[in-house]
Amino acid sequence: MVRAAKALPARVELITNGTLLDAATARALIDVGLDRLWVSIDGAQPESFADIRLGAELPHVVENPRPPA
């Protein structure tokens, strides 16, 4: 979808809760030209985050989107 929108051409932004985002997906989004990625964080502390986003872990959401150098 990002690739198709960039073909228009258009500025493309994506909002996600980040739970399924990993380094490979982040790299793929960069490679297709995503202009901005917004990650919505549901809680500032791991405990409050886990209370809201069941089964997810805040450190995972914060660290995983970073593509390898």
C-alpha atoms as a PDB file:
ATOM      1  CA  MET A   1       0.000   0.000   0.000  1.00  0.00           C
ATOM      2  CA  VAL A   2       2.873   2.367   0.780  1.00  0.00           C
ATOM      3  CA  ARG A   3       4.491   1.607  -2.571  1.00  0.00           C
ATOM      4  CA  ALA A   4       1.222   2.285  -4.406  1.00  0.00           C
ATOM      5  CA  ALA A   5       0.670   5.599  -2.607  1.00  0.00           C
ATOM      6  CA  LYS A   6       4.246   6.701  -3.286  1.00  0.00           C
ATOM      7  CA  ALA A   7       3.675   6.020  -6.997  1.00  0.00           C
ATOM      8  CA  LEU A   8       1.055   8.816  -7.140  1.00  0.00           C
ATOM      9  CA  PRO A   9       3.395  10.567  -5.903  1.00  0.00           C
ATOM     10  CA  ALA A  10       2.214  11.392  -2.425  1.00  0.00           C
ATOM     11  CA  ARG A  11       3.641  11.980   1.002  1.00  0.00           C
ATOM     12  CA  VAL A  12       2.900   8.784   2.922  1.00  0.00           C
ATOM     13  CA  GLU A  13       2.670   8.411   6.689  1.00  0.00           C
ATOM     14  CA  LEU A  14       1.687   5.344   8.697  1.00  0.00           C
ATOM     15  CA  ILE A  15       0.336   5.093  12.231  1.00  0.00           C
ATOM     16  CA  THR A  16       0.772   1.824  14.128  1.00  0.00           C
ATOM     17  CA  ASN A  17       0.659   0.523  17.676  1.00  0.00           C
ATOM     18  CA  GLY A  18       3.999  -1.115  16.880  1.00  0.00           C
ATOM     19  CA  THR A  19       3.213  -4.546  18.276  1.00  0.00           C
ATOM     20  CA  LEU A  20       3.825  -6.329  14.949  1.00  0.00           C
ATOM     21  CA  LEU A  21       6.548  -4.004  13.731  1.00  0.00           C
ATOM     22  CA  ASP A  22      10.022  -5.503  13.572  1.00  0.00           C
ATOM     23  CA  ALA A  23      13.376  -4.486  12.085  1.00  0.00           C
ATOM     24  CA  ALA A  24      12.701  -6.217   8.754  1.00  0.00           C
ATOM     25  CA  THR A  25       9.329  -4.508   8.343  1.00  0.00           C
ATOM     26  CA  ALA A  26      10.808  -1.142   9.328  1.00  0.00           C
ATOM     27  CA  ARG A  27      13.554  -1.597   6.711  1.00  0.00           C
ATOM     28  CA  ALA A  28      10.974  -2.566   4.069  1.00  0.00           C
ATOM     29  CA  LEU A  29       8.915   0.556   4.839  1.00  0.00           C
ATOM     30  CA  ILE A  30      12.007   2.721   4.505  1.00  0.00           C
ATOM     31  CA  ASP A  31      12.981   1.001   1.247  1.00  0.00           C
ATOM     32  CA  VAL A  32       9.573   1.690  -0.364  1.00  0.00           C
ATOM     33  CA  GLY A  33       9.794   5.351   0.615  1.00  0.00           C
ATOM     34  CA  LEU A  34       7.604   5.767   3.690  1.00  0.00           C
ATOM     35  CA  ASP A  35       7.942   9.409   4.713  1.00  0.00           C
ATOM     36  CA  ARG A  36       7.004   9.113   8.368  1.00  0.00           C
ATOM     37  CA  LEU A  37       6.155   6.336  10.800  1.00  0.00           C
ATOM     38  CA  TRP A  38       4.127   7.173  13.897  1.00  0.00           C
ATOM     39  CA  VAL A  39       4.156   4.625  16.720  1.00  0.00           C
ATOM     40  CA  SER A  40       1.355   5.132  19.214  1.00  0.00           C
ATOM     41  CA  ILE A  41       2.530   4.184  22.708  1.00  0.00           C
ATOM     42  CA  ASP A  42      -0.314   3.177  25.025  1.00  0.00           C
ATOM     43  CA  GLY A  43       1.565   3.634  28.293  1.00  0.00           C
ATOM     44  CA  ALA A  44       4.829   5.183  29.463  1.00  0.00           C
ATOM     45  CA  GLN A  45       5.772   2.363  31.838  1.00  0.00           C
ATOM     46  CA  PRO A  46       5.979  -1.325  30.885  1.00  0.00           C
ATOM     47  CA  GLU A  47       3.293  -2.184  33.444  1.00  0.00           C
ATOM     48  CA  SER A  48       0.774   0.416  32.261  1.00  0.00           C
ATOM     49  CA  PHE A  49       1.498  -0.433  28.631  1.00  0.00           C
ATOM     50  CA  ALA A  50       0.867  -4.149  29.293  1.00  0.00           C
ATOM     51  CA  ASP A  51      -2.397  -3.341  31.082  1.00  0.00           C
ATOM     52  CA  ILE A  52      -3.716  -1.554  27.991  1.00  0.00           C
ATOM     53  CA  ARG A  53      -2.121  -3.576  25.187  1.00  0.00           C
ATOM     54  CA  LEU A  54      -2.574  -7.149  26.405  1.00  0.00           C
ATOM     55  CA  GLY A  55       0.203  -9.499  25.353  1.00  0.00           C
ATOM     56  CA  ALA A  56       2.522  -6.709  24.187  1.00  0.00           C
ATOM     57  CA  GLU A  57       5.711  -5.509  25.815  1.00  0.00           C
ATOM     58  CA  LEU A  58       6.813  -1.865  25.784  1.00  0.00           C
ATOM     59  CA  PRO A  59      10.555  -2.594  25.305  1.00  0.00           C
ATOM     60  CA  HIS A  60       9.690  -4.697  22.247  1.00  0.00           C
ATOM     61  CA  VAL A  61       7.599  -1.900  20.727  1.00  0.00           C
ATOM     62  CA  VAL A  62      10.328   0.681  21.404  1.00  0.00           C
ATOM     63  CA  GLU A  63      13.338  -1.314  20.197  1.00  0.00           C
ATOM     64  CA  ASN A  64      12.090  -3.508  17.363  1.00  0.00           C
ATOM     65  CA  PRO A  65      11.280  -0.904  14.698  1.00  0.00           C
ATOM     66  CA  ARG A  66      14.930   0.127  14.485  1.00  0.00           C
ATOM     67  CA  PRO A  67      16.432  -1.195  11.260  1.00  0.00           C
ATOM     68  CA  PRO A  68      19.891  -2.729  11.417  1.00  0.00           C
ATOM     69  CA  ALA A  69      22.706  -0.271  10.729  1.00  0.00           C
END
